[in-house]
C-alpha atoms as a PDB file:
ATOM      1  CA  MET A   1      27.535   2.166 -90.292  1.00  0.00           C
ATOM      2  CA  PRO A   2      30.014   1.585 -87.479  1.00  0.00           C
ATOM      3  CA  ASN A   3      29.551   2.684 -83.871  1.00  0.00           C
ATOM      4  CA  LEU A   4      32.232   4.343 -81.785  1.00  0.00           C
ATOM      5  CA  VAL A   5      32.376   4.456 -78.000  1.00  0.00           C
ATOM      6  CA  ILE A   6      33.070   7.934 -76.639  1.00  0.00           C
ATOM      7  CA  ALA A   7      35.220   7.999 -73.508  1.00  0.00           C
ATOM      8  CA  ALA A   8      36.916  11.296 -72.680  1.00  0.00           C
ATOM      9  CA  SER A   9      38.023  12.769 -69.373  1.00  0.00           C
ATOM     10  CA  ALA A  10      40.902  15.158 -70.076  1.00  0.00           C
ATOM     11  CA  SER A  11      40.500  18.894 -70.410  1.00  0.00           C
ATOM     12  CA  GLY A  12      41.167  19.989 -74.006  1.00  0.00           C
ATOM     13  CA  ASP A  13      41.227  17.862 -77.158  1.00  0.00           C
ATOM     14  CA  THR A  14      40.643  14.104 -77.374  1.00  0.00           C
ATOM     15  CA  THR A  15      40.685  12.387 -80.782  1.00  0.00           C
ATOM     16  CA  LEU A  16      37.622  10.209 -81.345  1.00  0.00           C
ATOM     17  CA  LEU A  17      38.233   9.168 -84.968  1.00  0.00           C
ATOM     18  CA  VAL A  18      41.756   9.085 -86.361  1.00  0.00           C
ATOM     19  CA  ALA A  19      42.107  10.842 -89.725  1.00  0.00           C
ATOM     20  CA  ALA A  20      41.722   8.734 -92.895  1.00  0.00           C
ATOM     21  CA  THR A  21      43.977   9.717 -95.795  1.00  0.00           C
ATOM     22  CA  THR A  22      41.372   9.894 -98.581  1.00  0.00           C
ATOM     23  CA  LYS A  23      38.146  10.089 -96.549  1.00  0.00           C
ATOM     24  CA  ARG A  24      36.187  12.458 -94.353  1.00  0.00           C
ATOM     25  CA  PHE A  25      33.788  11.512 -91.578  1.00  0.00           C
ATOM     26  CA  LYS A  26      30.021  11.929 -91.324  1.00  0.00           C
ATOM     27  CA  VAL A  27      28.327  11.464 -87.950  1.00  0.00           C
ATOM     28  CA  SER A  28      24.636  10.585 -88.117  1.00  0.00           C
ATOM     29  CA  LYS A  29      23.821   9.805 -84.456  1.00  0.00           C
ATOM     30  CA  LEU A  30      25.296  10.905 -81.144  1.00  0.00           C
ATOM     31  CA  VAL A  31      24.623  10.196 -77.465  1.00  0.00           C
ATOM     32  CA  LEU A  32      26.764  12.063 -74.936  1.00  0.00           C
ATOM     33  CA  SER A  33      26.582  12.425 -71.150  1.00  0.00           C
ATOM     34  CA  ALA A  34      28.825  14.025 -68.532  1.00  0.00           C
ATOM     35  CA  LYS A  35      29.324  13.024 -64.899  1.00  0.00           C
ATOM     36  CA  THR A  36      29.396  16.721 -63.898  1.00  0.00           C
ATOM     37  CA  ALA A  37      28.644  19.874 -65.883  1.00  0.00           C
ATOM     38  CA  VAL A  38      31.103  20.670 -68.684  1.00  0.00           C
ATOM     39  CA  ASP A  39      31.221  22.520 -72.004  1.00  0.00           C
ATOM     40  CA  VAL A  40      32.047  20.479 -75.110  1.00  0.00           C
ATOM     41  CA  LYS A  41      32.662  21.241 -78.750  1.00  0.00           C
ATOM     42  CA  PHE A  42      33.596  19.141 -81.744  1.00  0.00           C
ATOM     43  CA  LYS A  43      36.379  19.737 -84.243  1.00  0.00           C
ATOM     44  CA  SER A  44      37.417  18.544 -87.673  1.00  0.00           C
ATOM     45  CA  GLY A  45      41.160  18.341 -87.130  1.00  0.00           C
ATOM     46  CA  SER A  46      41.956  21.642 -85.407  1.00  0.00           C
ATOM     47  CA  THR A  47      38.928  23.572 -86.757  1.00  0.00           C
ATOM     48  CA  ASP A  48      35.741  23.946 -84.698  1.00  0.00           C
ATOM     49  CA  ILE A  49      32.662  22.436 -86.363  1.00  0.00           C
ATOM     50  CA  THR A  50      30.307  23.232 -83.473  1.00  0.00           C
ATOM     51  CA  GLY A  51      30.054  26.004 -80.988  1.00  0.00           C
ATOM     52  CA  VAL A  52      30.273  25.346 -77.282  1.00  0.00           C
ATOM     53  CA  ILE A  53      27.625  22.866 -76.115  1.00  0.00           C
ATOM     54  CA  PRO A  54      26.970  23.039 -72.356  1.00  0.00           C
ATOM     55  CA  LEU A  55      26.303  19.591 -70.867  1.00  0.00           C
ATOM     56  CA  ALA A  56      24.535  19.436 -67.527  1.00  0.00           C
ATOM     57  CA  ALA A  57      25.476  16.674 -65.116  1.00  0.00           C
ATOM     58  CA  THR A  58      23.872  13.347 -66.129  1.00  0.00           C
ATOM     59  CA  ALA A  59      21.525  15.061 -68.637  1.00  0.00           C
ATOM     60  CA  PRO A  60      22.426  13.360 -71.925  1.00  0.00           C
ATOM     61  CA  LEU A  61      22.716  15.064 -75.280  1.00  0.00           C
ATOM     62  CA  LEU A  62      20.944  12.957 -77.900  1.00  0.00           C
ATOM     63  CA  ILE A  63      21.136  13.557 -81.636  1.00  0.00           C
ATOM     64  CA  PRO A  64      18.834  10.903 -83.145  1.00  0.00           C
ATOM     65  CA  GLN A  65      19.747   8.743 -86.125  1.00  0.00           C
ATOM     66  CA  GLN A  66      19.499  10.659 -89.382  1.00  0.00           C
ATOM     67  CA  GLN A  67      17.408   9.202 -92.186  1.00  0.00           C
ATOM     68  CA  PRO A  68      19.317   8.053 -95.301  1.00  0.00           C
ATOM     69  CA  ASN A  69      18.546  11.198 -97.348  1.00  0.00           C
ATOM     70  CA  GLU A  70      19.108  13.695 -94.532  1.00  0.00           C
ATOM     71  CA  PRO A  71      22.425  15.480 -94.027  1.00  0.00           C
ATOM     72  CA  ALA A  72      24.766  14.205 -91.337  1.00  0.00           C
ATOM     73  CA  TRP A  73      24.947  16.017 -88.015  1.00  0.00           C
ATOM     74  CA  LEU A  74      28.741  16.445 -88.037  1.00  0.00           C
ATOM     75  CA  VAL A  75      30.811  16.354 -91.213  1.00  0.00           C
ATOM     76  CA  GLY A  76      34.574  16.518 -91.592  1.00  0.00           C
ATOM     77  CA  LEU A  77      35.640  19.686 -93.370  1.00  0.00           C
ATOM     78  CA  ALA A  78      38.240  17.939 -95.526  1.00  0.00           C
ATOM     79  CA  VAL A  79      39.873  14.567 -96.077  1.00  0.00           C
ATOM     80  CA  ASN A  80      42.566  13.449 -93.666  1.00  0.00           C
ATOM     81  CA  GLN A  81      41.077  15.209 -90.613  1.00  0.00           C
ATOM     82  CA  ALA A  82      40.292  13.565 -87.282  1.00  0.00           C
ATOM     83  CA  LEU A  83      37.063  13.951 -85.350  1.00  0.00           C
ATOM     84  CA  VAL A  84      37.990  15.602 -82.056  1.00  0.00           C
ATOM     85  CA  ILE A  85      35.996  16.352 -78.894  1.00  0.00           C
ATOM     86  CA  ASN A  86      37.125  19.264 -76.729  1.00  0.00           C
ATOM     87  CA  LEU A  87      36.207  19.465 -73.031  1.00  0.00           C
ATOM     88  CA  SER A  88      36.391  22.677 -71.003  1.00  0.00           C
ATOM     89  CA  ALA A  89      37.421  20.763 -67.874  1.00  0.00           C
ATOM     90  CA  ALA A  90      38.670  17.339 -66.788  1.00  0.00           C
ATOM     91  CA  VAL A  91      35.260  15.669 -66.491  1.00  0.00           C
ATOM     92  CA  VAL A  92      34.226  12.105 -67.323  1.00  0.00           C
ATOM     93  CA  VAL A  93      32.202  12.206 -70.570  1.00  0.00           C
ATOM     94  CA  GLY A  94      30.877   9.102 -72.281  1.00  0.00           C
ATOM     95  CA  GLY A  95      28.497   7.941 -74.945  1.00  0.00           C
ATOM     96  CA  PHE A  96      28.595   6.697 -78.507  1.00  0.00           C
ATOM     97  CA  LEU A  97      28.229   7.857 -82.073  1.00  0.00           C
ATOM     98  CA  VAL A  98      27.336   6.313 -85.415  1.00  0.00           C
ATOM     99  CA  TYR A  99      29.511   7.395 -88.328  1.00  0.00           C
ATOM    100  CA  GLU A 100      30.692   6.582 -91.825  1.00  0.00           C
ATOM    101  CA  TRP A 101      33.679   7.454 -93.952  1.00  0.00           C
ATOM    102  CA  VAL A 102      32.975   9.125 -97.302  1.00  0.00           C
ATOM    103  CA  ASP A 103      35.203  10.046-100.217  1.00  0.00           C
ATOM    104  CA  GLY A 104      36.546  13.600-100.082  1.00  0.00           C
END
């Protein structure tokens, strides 16, 4: 499964994975840290797929690697939708995720 570097710093939406025409994403591992406190949420296209997740300054959020038969942590709601991170403020947020594309 491929890795993706997360680098966001603008308030509002930042696309992490560009939509794939016949696929949807599944995220199985995530590491995320913020330079200062900020609220984040994730979206499938324009639809929220998490609630607000408060990140404390330099206290990373870690979602460990899922086992092969376990469900993914974040799943695209439909094909042709991007994975988007939304920040409540212009704060430097970084990390990485492990994902795969699956048929719709």
